[in-house]
Amino acid sequence: MNLNGGVESRDRPGSGPEPPAFEEIQGFTFAAAITSTHHRSLNRRKQIAQLSPSASFGYTTSSSVIFVTMSEFFEAHDPSDPAFYGPSQTALLLLDFHNLLVEKLGGPSAPAALDTAARLRSWAKSRGIVIIATMKGQDGEEAPVLSQDTDTNDHTFLRTPGYVSALQSPGLLDFLRGKGIKSLIMTGLSTSGCVLRTAIPATEADFVVTVVSDACADPVESNHGFLIERILPSRAHVLTASQVLAMYGDRSDA
C-alpha cells in the first residue's frame, strides 16, 4: 500500500503481540494496530496529534507499515476530519477576546492565547478563510491585535448578555450555513465558558470542530487543562496552533 505516491511502505512484521501505541522504529514514531477501517478514527487521530507537527511516523494496515508526516496523515478523505474541508468551507472563530478579559479576567495564559489567535488570524487571512469574532454585549471592545487590517473576510457577531454560546449570536448560524461553512476552528476565552459552550452545540449542529488548545485560556488554569485533555477531545479535535498549520500544509480549494 502506498500513500501520495511517494510515501514509503514495507511489509509488516509477522505474528506476535501488538506493540505499544507508539514506539520508535528507525527514527520514525510507529503507531501500532491501526487497521484500514479504523486508522482514521477520532481517538487515533488525537493520539497522532500529540506528536510534533513535523514528525514522521508509521501506522499499520492489515499488511504494511505506512510512513507518513502529520500533514499527510490528515488527508482530505474523511468528512469528520477538518482537513477534508478547504478554506472556503472553513471558518476561524475568535471567541470573546474582550480587552477586559484578556487583561484582567482571562487568567495568566490569556495574553499568550491572544497572541496565538492573532497568528492564526493572519494565517487565515492569507488563505481566504472566513474570520468571525464573537462578542458578548454591545459595548465590549475587542483586543486591538484582532481588529487590525480588517477586510471583507472579517465578520463580527454580538450576542445578548446572558447567553454563553457564540452560536446564540443573532444571524451567526444562518451566516455559516449561507457561506457553506462545514469546519470551525475555535479560539477564545474562556475555555470553560464560551469555548466549551460553543464547541459542543457546534458538533451537534454537524460542524467539524477543532479547538486550538494554545489559543484558548481560562481564569482557572486547571479547568483549561481538564477540559482540553479530558472533555473536549470526546467531542472535537483538539490541536495546537502549530499542529493546525501542519495539518493544512499547503492545501487550498484548488
C-alpha atoms as a PDB file:
ATOM      1  CA  MET A   1       0.000   0.000   0.000  1.00  0.00           C
ATOM      2  CA  ASN A   2       1.212   3.491  -0.762  1.00  0.00           C
ATOM      3  CA  LEU A   3       0.039   6.989   0.151  1.00  0.00           C
ATOM      4  CA  ASN A   4       0.533  10.042  -2.070  1.00  0.00           C
ATOM      5  CA  GLY A   5       2.659   8.079  -4.485  1.00  0.00           C
ATOM      6  CA  GLY A   6       5.934   8.760  -2.716  1.00  0.00           C
ATOM      7  CA  VAL A   7       5.250   7.512   0.804  1.00  0.00           C
ATOM      8  CA  GLU A   8       7.345   4.532   1.754  1.00  0.00           C
ATOM      9  CA  SER A   9       5.777   1.230   2.822  1.00  0.00           C
ATOM     10  CA  ARG A  10       7.253  -2.070   3.911  1.00  0.00           C
ATOM     11  CA  ASP A  11       5.937  -5.462   4.939  1.00  0.00           C
ATOM     12  CA  ARG A  12       4.660  -5.622   8.457  1.00  0.00           C
ATOM     13  CA  PRO A  13       6.482  -7.969  10.858  1.00  0.00           C
ATOM     14  CA  GLY A  14       4.914 -11.356  11.396  1.00  0.00           C
ATOM     15  CA  SER A  15       2.599 -12.545  14.115  1.00  0.00           C
ATOM     16  CA  GLY A  16       3.186 -11.771  17.768  1.00  0.00           C
ATOM     17  CA  PRO A  17       1.905  -9.463  20.473  1.00  0.00           C
ATOM     18  CA  GLU A  18       0.843  -5.997  19.390  1.00  0.00           C
ATOM     19  CA  PRO A  19       3.442  -3.316  20.070  1.00  0.00           C
ATOM     20  CA  PRO A  20       2.552  -0.293  22.212  1.00  0.00           C
ATOM     21  CA  ALA A  21       0.547   2.569  20.707  1.00  0.00           C
ATOM     22  CA  PHE A  22       3.726   4.431  19.709  1.00  0.00           C
ATOM     23  CA  GLU A  23       7.318   3.276  19.558  1.00  0.00           C
ATOM     24  CA  GLU A  24      10.402   4.474  17.749  1.00  0.00           C
ATOM     25  CA  ILE A  25      11.458   2.416  14.722  1.00  0.00           C
ATOM     26  CA  GLN A  26      14.449   3.608  12.741  1.00  0.00           C
ATOM     27  CA  GLY A  27      13.779   7.244  13.577  1.00  0.00           C
ATOM     28  CA  PHE A  28      10.048   7.082  12.913  1.00  0.00           C
ATOM     29  CA  THR A  29       7.293   7.028  15.502  1.00  0.00           C
ATOM     30  CA  PHE A  30       5.297   3.887  14.907  1.00  0.00           C
ATOM     31  CA  ALA A  31       1.554   3.989  15.575  1.00  0.00           C
ATOM     32  CA  ALA A  32       0.588   0.377  16.050  1.00  0.00           C
ATOM     33  CA  ALA A  33      -2.559  -1.612  15.393  1.00  0.00           C
ATOM     34  CA  ILE A  34      -4.341   0.826  13.097  1.00  0.00           C
ATOM     35  CA  THR A  35      -6.477  -1.158  10.687  1.00  0.00           C
ATOM     36  CA  SER A  36      -7.576   0.021   7.286  1.00  0.00           C
ATOM     37  CA  THR A  37     -11.111   0.538   8.591  1.00  0.00           C
ATOM     38  CA  HIS A  38     -10.178   2.260  11.824  1.00  0.00           C
ATOM     39  CA  HIS A  39      -6.941   4.167  11.267  1.00  0.00           C
ATOM     40  CA  ARG A  40      -8.827   7.430  10.824  1.00  0.00           C
ATOM     41  CA  SER A  41     -10.889   7.062  13.972  1.00  0.00           C
ATOM     42  CA  LEU A  42     -11.195  10.204  16.059  1.00  0.00           C
ATOM     43  CA  ASN A  43      -9.294   8.781  19.015  1.00  0.00           C
ATOM     44  CA  ARG A  44      -6.377   7.629  16.883  1.00  0.00           C
ATOM     45  CA  ARG A  45      -6.130  10.999  15.163  1.00  0.00           C
ATOM     46  CA  LYS A  46      -5.994  12.598  18.577  1.00  0.00           C
ATOM     47  CA  GLN A  47      -3.122  10.286  19.568  1.00  0.00           C
ATOM     48  CA  ILE A  48      -1.269  11.208  16.383  1.00  0.00           C
ATOM     49  CA  ALA A  49      -1.895  14.896  17.097  1.00  0.00           C
ATOM     50  CA  GLN A  50       0.218  14.678  20.231  1.00  0.00           C
ATOM     51  CA  LEU A  51       3.304  14.218  18.058  1.00  0.00           C
ATOM     52  CA  SER A  52       5.458  17.067  16.825  1.00  0.00           C
ATOM     53  CA  PRO A  53       3.877  18.748  13.784  1.00  0.00           C
ATOM     54  CA  SER A  54       6.950  17.899  11.709  1.00  0.00           C
ATOM     55  CA  ALA A  55       7.281  14.326  12.955  1.00  0.00           C
ATOM     56  CA  SER A  56       7.242  11.398  10.592  1.00  0.00           C
ATOM     57  CA  PHE A  57       5.517   8.319  11.910  1.00  0.00           C
ATOM     58  CA  GLY A  58       4.155   4.978  10.810  1.00  0.00           C
ATOM     59  CA  TYR A  59       0.834   3.265  11.066  1.00  0.00           C
ATOM     60  CA  THR A  60      -0.166  -0.264  10.201  1.00  0.00           C
ATOM     61  CA  THR A  61      -2.692  -1.615   7.783  1.00  0.00           C
ATOM     62  CA  SER A  62      -3.519  -5.298   7.590  1.00  0.00           C
ATOM     63  CA  SER A  63      -0.298  -5.974   5.693  1.00  0.00           C
ATOM     64  CA  SER A  64       2.011  -2.968   5.744  1.00  0.00           C
ATOM     65  CA  VAL A  65       3.557  -0.228   7.798  1.00  0.00           C
ATOM     66  CA  ILE A  66       2.972   3.154   6.160  1.00  0.00           C
ATOM     67  CA  PHE A  67       5.355   6.022   6.878  1.00  0.00           C
ATOM     68  CA  VAL A  68       3.883   9.489   6.653  1.00  0.00           C
ATOM     69  CA  THR A  69       4.168  13.001   8.034  1.00  0.00           C
ATOM     70  CA  MET A  70       1.402  14.627  10.056  1.00  0.00           C
ATOM     71  CA  SER A  71       0.170  16.694   7.100  1.00  0.00           C
ATOM     72  CA  GLU A  72      -0.021  13.516   5.003  1.00  0.00           C
ATOM     73  CA  PHE A  73      -1.919  11.671   7.740  1.00  0.00           C
ATOM     74  CA  PHE A  74      -4.592  14.352   7.950  1.00  0.00           C
ATOM     75  CA  GLU A  75      -5.718  13.674   4.393  1.00  0.00           C
ATOM     76  CA  ALA A  76      -8.866  15.083   2.834  1.00  0.00           C
ATOM     77  CA  HIS A  77     -10.735  11.783   2.583  1.00  0.00           C
ATOM     78  CA  ASP A  78     -12.817  11.708   5.769  1.00  0.00           C
ATOM     79  CA  PRO A  79     -15.720  14.163   6.271  1.00  0.00           C
ATOM     80  CA  SER A  80     -15.166  14.016  10.041  1.00  0.00           C
ATOM     81  CA  ASP A  81     -11.620  15.321   9.559  1.00  0.00           C
ATOM     82  CA  PRO A  82     -11.060  19.111   9.362  1.00  0.00           C
ATOM     83  CA  ALA A  83      -8.568  18.575   6.531  1.00  0.00           C
ATOM     84  CA  PHE A  84     -11.453  17.328   4.396  1.00  0.00           C
ATOM     85  CA  TYR A  85     -12.603  20.943   4.009  1.00  0.00           C
ATOM     86  CA  GLY A  86     -10.808  23.644   2.063  1.00  0.00           C
ATOM     87  CA  PRO A  87     -10.567  27.314   3.027  1.00  0.00           C
ATOM     88  CA  SER A  88     -13.960  28.204   1.536  1.00  0.00           C
ATOM     89  CA  GLN A  89     -15.677  25.716   3.878  1.00  0.00           C
ATOM     90  CA  THR A  90     -13.659  26.661   6.966  1.00  0.00           C
ATOM     91  CA  ALA A  91     -14.118  29.476   9.469  1.00  0.00           C
ATOM     92  CA  LEU A  92     -11.825  30.699  12.243  1.00  0.00           C
ATOM     93  CA  LEU A  93     -13.765  31.719  15.352  1.00  0.00           C
ATOM     94  CA  LEU A  94     -12.300  34.280  17.761  1.00  0.00           C
ATOM     95  CA  LEU A  95     -14.473  33.916  20.862  1.00  0.00           C
ATOM     96  CA  ASP A  96     -14.793  36.695  23.443  1.00  0.00           C
ATOM     97  CA  PHE A  97     -11.357  38.253  23.155  1.00  0.00           C
ATOM     98  CA  HIS A  98     -12.556  41.343  25.033  1.00  0.00           C
ATOM     99  CA  ASN A  99      -9.813  43.660  26.235  1.00  0.00           C
ATOM    100  CA  LEU A 100     -11.113  43.315  29.794  1.00  0.00           C
ATOM    101  CA  LEU A 101     -10.983  39.519  29.667  1.00  0.00           C
ATOM    102  CA  VAL A 102      -7.509  39.445  28.189  1.00  0.00           C
ATOM    103  CA  GLU A 103      -6.059  41.998  30.594  1.00  0.00           C
ATOM    104  CA  LYS A 104      -7.777  41.184  33.878  1.00  0.00           C
ATOM    105  CA  LEU A 105     -10.212  38.287  33.877  1.00  0.00           C
ATOM    106  CA  GLY A 106      -8.927  35.714  31.421  1.00  0.00           C
ATOM    107  CA  GLY A 107      -6.221  34.194  33.570  1.00  0.00           C
ATOM    108  CA  PRO A 108      -2.428  34.223  33.295  1.00  0.00           C
ATOM    109  CA  SER A 109      -2.398  32.457  29.928  1.00  0.00           C
ATOM    110  CA  ALA A 110      -4.853  34.844  28.243  1.00  0.00           C
ATOM    111  CA  PRO A 111      -2.219  37.138  26.654  1.00  0.00           C
ATOM    112  CA  ALA A 112      -0.399  34.137  25.159  1.00  0.00           C
ATOM    113  CA  ALA A 113      -3.694  32.730  23.870  1.00  0.00           C
ATOM    114  CA  LEU A 114      -4.441  36.095  22.275  1.00  0.00           C
ATOM    115  CA  ASP A 115      -1.032  36.145  20.568  1.00  0.00           C
ATOM    116  CA  THR A 116      -1.650  32.653  19.186  1.00  0.00           C
ATOM    117  CA  ALA A 117      -5.127  33.606  17.991  1.00  0.00           C
ATOM    118  CA  ALA A 118      -3.658  36.656  16.241  1.00  0.00           C
ATOM    119  CA  ARG A 119      -1.142  34.413  14.485  1.00  0.00           C
ATOM    120  CA  LEU A 120      -3.944  32.115  13.339  1.00  0.00           C
ATOM    121  CA  ARG A 121      -5.924  35.117  12.138  1.00  0.00           C
ATOM    122  CA  SER A 122      -3.014  36.204   9.945  1.00  0.00           C
ATOM    123  CA  TRP A 123      -2.737  32.680   8.572  1.00  0.00           C
ATOM    124  CA  ALA A 124      -6.481  32.505   7.917  1.00  0.00           C
ATOM    125  CA  LYS A 125      -6.433  35.838   6.091  1.00  0.00           C
ATOM    126  CA  SER A 126      -3.643  34.575   3.852  1.00  0.00           C
ATOM    127  CA  ARG A 127      -5.765  31.539   2.955  1.00  0.00           C
ATOM    128  CA  GLY A 128      -9.064  33.328   2.437  1.00  0.00           C
ATOM    129  CA  ILE A 129     -10.616  31.578   5.427  1.00  0.00           C
ATOM    130  CA  VAL A 130     -13.620  33.390   6.897  1.00  0.00           C
ATOM    131  CA  ILE A 131     -12.771  35.054  10.226  1.00  0.00           C
ATOM    132  CA  ILE A 132     -15.548  35.501  12.773  1.00  0.00           C
ATOM    133  CA  ALA A 133     -15.185  37.426  16.017  1.00  0.00           C
ATOM    134  CA  THR A 134     -17.989  36.923  18.514  1.00  0.00           C
ATOM    135  CA  MET A 135     -18.509  39.280  21.413  1.00  0.00           C
ATOM    136  CA  LYS A 136     -20.886  39.468  24.362  1.00  0.00           C
ATOM    137  CA  GLY A 137     -22.943  42.633  24.617  1.00  0.00           C
ATOM    138  CA  GLN A 138     -22.956  45.858  22.663  1.00  0.00           C
ATOM    139  CA  ASP A 139     -20.091  47.693  24.334  1.00  0.00           C
ATOM    140  CA  GLY A 140     -17.319  45.121  24.559  1.00  0.00           C
ATOM    141  CA  GLU A 141     -14.071  46.232  22.960  1.00  0.00           C
ATOM    142  CA  GLU A 142     -12.163  43.578  21.062  1.00  0.00           C
ATOM    143  CA  ALA A 143      -8.416  43.279  21.634  1.00  0.00           C
ATOM    144  CA  PRO A 144      -6.806  45.645  19.083  1.00  0.00           C
ATOM    145  CA  VAL A 145      -4.448  42.991  17.701  1.00  0.00           C
ATOM    146  CA  LEU A 146      -7.511  41.133  16.371  1.00  0.00           C
ATOM    147  CA  SER A 147      -9.123  44.156  14.762  1.00  0.00           C
ATOM    148  CA  GLN A 148      -6.205  45.385  12.670  1.00  0.00           C
ATOM    149  CA  ASP A 149      -6.297  45.278   8.870  1.00  0.00           C
ATOM    150  CA  THR A 150      -9.906  44.157   8.707  1.00  0.00           C
ATOM    151  CA  ASP A 151     -11.375  43.428   5.306  1.00  0.00           C
ATOM    152  CA  THR A 152     -14.428  41.775   3.789  1.00  0.00           C
ATOM    153  CA  ASN A 153     -13.329  38.418   5.212  1.00  0.00           C
ATOM    154  CA  ASP A 154     -13.651  39.678   8.813  1.00  0.00           C
ATOM    155  CA  HIS A 155     -17.046  39.485  10.484  1.00  0.00           C
ATOM    156  CA  THR A 156     -18.237  40.323  13.996  1.00  0.00           C
ATOM    157  CA  PHE A 157     -21.344  38.958  15.701  1.00  0.00           C
ATOM    158  CA  LEU A 158     -22.712  40.183  19.024  1.00  0.00           C
ATOM    159  CA  ARG A 159     -24.871  38.181  21.394  1.00  0.00           C
ATOM    160  CA  THR A 160     -27.198  39.261  24.157  1.00  0.00           C
ATOM    161  CA  PRO A 161     -25.631  39.176  27.634  1.00  0.00           C
ATOM    162  CA  GLY A 162     -26.755  36.058  29.454  1.00  0.00           C
ATOM    163  CA  TYR A 163     -26.041  33.753  26.540  1.00  0.00           C
ATOM    164  CA  VAL A 164     -22.698  31.934  26.627  1.00  0.00           C
ATOM    165  CA  SER A 165     -22.538  30.054  23.332  1.00  0.00           C
ATOM    166  CA  ALA A 166     -21.388  32.081  20.352  1.00  0.00           C
ATOM    167  CA  LEU A 167     -23.980  30.190  18.312  1.00  0.00           C
ATOM    168  CA  GLN A 168     -26.585  32.256  20.142  1.00  0.00           C
ATOM    169  CA  SER A 169     -25.305  35.351  18.332  1.00  0.00           C
ATOM    170  CA  PRO A 170     -28.191  36.509  16.121  1.00  0.00           C
ATOM    171  CA  GLY A 171     -27.537  35.644  12.497  1.00  0.00           C
ATOM    172  CA  LEU A 172     -24.370  33.605  13.047  1.00  0.00           C
ATOM    173  CA  LEU A 173     -25.764  30.163  12.246  1.00  0.00           C
ATOM    174  CA  ASP A 174     -27.542  31.475   9.161  1.00  0.00           C
ATOM    175  CA  PHE A 175     -24.321  33.157   8.068  1.00  0.00           C
ATOM    176  CA  LEU A 176     -22.315  29.939   8.459  1.00  0.00           C
ATOM    177  CA  ARG A 177     -24.911  27.906   6.583  1.00  0.00           C
ATOM    178  CA  GLY A 178     -25.173  30.509   3.860  1.00  0.00           C
ATOM    179  CA  LYS A 179     -21.412  30.510   3.348  1.00  0.00           C
ATOM    180  CA  GLY A 180     -21.321  26.726   3.178  1.00  0.00           C
ATOM    181  CA  ILE A 181     -19.049  26.512   6.229  1.00  0.00           C
ATOM    182  CA  LYS A 182     -18.542  22.957   7.486  1.00  0.00           C
ATOM    183  CA  SER A 183     -15.408  23.198   9.643  1.00  0.00           C
ATOM    184  CA  LEU A 184     -14.911  25.543  12.610  1.00  0.00           C
ATOM    185  CA  ILE A 185     -11.501  26.312  14.120  1.00  0.00           C
ATOM    186  CA  MET A 186     -12.122  27.711  17.594  1.00  0.00           C
ATOM    187  CA  THR A 187     -10.001  30.009  19.745  1.00  0.00           C
ATOM    188  CA  GLY A 188     -11.098  32.093  22.680  1.00  0.00           C
ATOM    189  CA  LEU A 189     -11.783  32.985  26.289  1.00  0.00           C
ATOM    190  CA  SER A 190     -12.666  31.246  28.392  1.00  0.00           C
ATOM    191  CA  THR A 191     -12.170  27.535  27.862  1.00  0.00           C
ATOM    192  CA  SER A 192     -14.808  26.654  30.455  1.00  0.00           C
ATOM    193  CA  GLY A 193     -17.173  29.341  29.164  1.00  0.00           C
ATOM    194  CA  CYS A 194     -17.660  30.388  25.566  1.00  0.00           C
ATOM    195  CA  VAL A 195     -15.271  27.829  24.059  1.00  0.00           C
ATOM    196  CA  LEU A 196     -16.870  24.792  25.701  1.00  0.00           C
ATOM    197  CA  ARG A 197     -20.405  26.102  25.322  1.00  0.00           C
ATOM    198  CA  THR A 198     -19.842  26.815  21.636  1.00  0.00           C
ATOM    199  CA  ALA A 199     -17.885  23.684  20.723  1.00  0.00           C
ATOM    200  CA  ILE A 200     -20.426  21.138  21.956  1.00  0.00           C
ATOM    201  CA  PRO A 201     -23.521  22.677  20.295  1.00  0.00           C
ATOM    202  CA  ALA A 202     -21.484  23.155  17.118  1.00  0.00           C
ATOM    203  CA  THR A 203     -20.710  19.444  16.908  1.00  0.00           C
ATOM    204  CA  GLU A 204     -24.395  18.704  17.494  1.00  0.00           C
ATOM    205  CA  ALA A 205     -25.167  21.073  14.617  1.00  0.00           C
ATOM    206  CA  ASP A 206     -22.965  18.876  12.380  1.00  0.00           C
ATOM    207  CA  PHE A 207     -19.947  21.157  12.180  1.00  0.00           C
ATOM    208  CA  VAL A 208     -16.477  19.634  12.338  1.00  0.00           C
ATOM    209  CA  VAL A 209     -14.937  21.420  15.320  1.00  0.00           C
ATOM    210  CA  THR A 210     -11.247  21.953  16.043  1.00  0.00           C
ATOM    211  CA  VAL A 211     -10.356  23.600  19.355  1.00  0.00           C
ATOM    212  CA  VAL A 212      -6.895  25.184  19.318  1.00  0.00           C
ATOM    213  CA  SER A 213      -5.571  24.432  22.783  1.00  0.00           C
ATOM    214  CA  ASP A 214      -2.908  27.134  22.979  1.00  0.00           C
ATOM    215  CA  ALA A 215      -5.250  29.780  21.570  1.00  0.00           C
ATOM    216  CA  CYS A 216      -7.675  29.316  24.479  1.00  0.00           C
ATOM    217  CA  ALA A 217      -7.310  30.166  28.157  1.00  0.00           C
ATOM    218  CA  ASP A 218      -9.292  30.089  31.368  1.00  0.00           C
ATOM    219  CA  PRO A 219      -9.131  32.066  34.628  1.00  0.00           C
ATOM    220  CA  VAL A 220      -8.629  28.733  36.395  1.00  0.00           C
ATOM    221  CA  GLU A 221      -5.765  27.035  34.602  1.00  0.00           C
ATOM    222  CA  SER A 222      -6.650  23.611  35.973  1.00  0.00           C
ATOM    223  CA  ASN A 223     -10.074  23.954  34.325  1.00  0.00           C
ATOM    224  CA  HIS A 224      -8.396  24.660  30.994  1.00  0.00           C
ATOM    225  CA  GLY A 225      -6.167  21.597  31.332  1.00  0.00           C
ATOM    226  CA  PHE A 226      -9.012  19.310  32.375  1.00  0.00           C
ATOM    227  CA  LEU A 227     -11.283  20.405  29.539  1.00  0.00           C
ATOM    228  CA  ILE A 228      -8.556  20.282  26.884  1.00  0.00           C
ATOM    229  CA  GLU A 229      -7.307  16.872  27.999  1.00  0.00           C
ATOM    230  CA  ARG A 230     -10.454  15.109  29.193  1.00  0.00           C
ATOM    231  CA  ILE A 231     -13.695  16.665  27.962  1.00  0.00           C
ATOM    232  CA  LEU A 232     -13.284  18.401  24.614  1.00  0.00           C
ATOM    233  CA  PRO A 233     -11.401  15.545  22.884  1.00  0.00           C
ATOM    234  CA  SER A 234     -14.525  13.392  23.176  1.00  0.00           C
ATOM    235  CA  ARG A 235     -16.478  15.868  21.056  1.00  0.00           C
ATOM    236  CA  ALA A 236     -13.968  17.766  18.934  1.00  0.00           C
ATOM    237  CA  HIS A 237     -10.473  17.734  17.518  1.00  0.00           C
ATOM    238  CA  VAL A 238      -8.037  19.356  19.933  1.00  0.00           C
ATOM    239  CA  LEU A 239      -4.793  20.567  18.367  1.00  0.00           C
ATOM    240  CA  THR A 240      -2.177  23.220  18.978  1.00  0.00           C
ATOM    241  CA  ALA A 241      -1.840  26.101  16.538  1.00  0.00           C
ATOM    242  CA  SER A 242       1.321  24.574  15.087  1.00  0.00           C
ATOM    243  CA  GLN A 243      -0.477  21.296  14.529  1.00  0.00           C
ATOM    244  CA  VAL A 244      -3.336  23.082  12.757  1.00  0.00           C
ATOM    245  CA  LEU A 245      -0.882  24.762  10.389  1.00  0.00           C
ATOM    246  CA  ALA A 246       0.938  21.485   9.791  1.00  0.00           C
ATOM    247  CA  MET A 247      -2.328  19.655   9.174  1.00  0.00           C
ATOM    248  CA  TYR A 248      -3.405  22.084   6.457  1.00  0.00           C
ATOM    249  CA  GLY A 249       0.055  22.360   4.945  1.00  0.00           C
ATOM    250  CA  ASP A 250      -0.185  23.988   1.510  1.00  0.00           C
ATOM    251  CA  ARG A 251      -3.726  22.831   0.835  1.00  0.00           C
ATOM    252  CA  SER A 252      -6.156  25.090  -0.991  1.00  0.00           C
ATOM    253  CA  ASP A 253      -9.586  24.768  -2.562  1.00  0.00           C
ATOM    254  CA  ALA A 254      -7.999  24.058  -5.922  1.00  0.00           C
END
